[in-house]
Amino acid sequence: MPCFVLYFCRSQVKDVLFEPVRKTQDAMFFINNPDDMWVPCGPKQPGAVQISMQELAAKGLGKEVCVDALKQDLLLPFLG
């Protein structure tokens, strides 16, 4: 039983840690911040550009995409 619990916890932690990357990959709107980094945002944010992460990468801007930091609200669904 302990091995199963450890495996379950490990998979949950990996899932939580990868969530910001998933959100960035799925984003359809980005904004270019003052540090010249592309940050995912909502469509109503001033300065939002409708473009995907794949399109940014195709334009050579893949290294300028900023993945959102891990936030507490991302952890809550996995703790319940």
Foldseek 3Di string as FASTA:
>chain_A
DVVVVVVVVVVLVVVLVCVLVVCLQPAQWWAQDPVRATEGDDPPDPRIDGHGLVRCVVVVNNVRYDRDDRDPVSCVVSVD
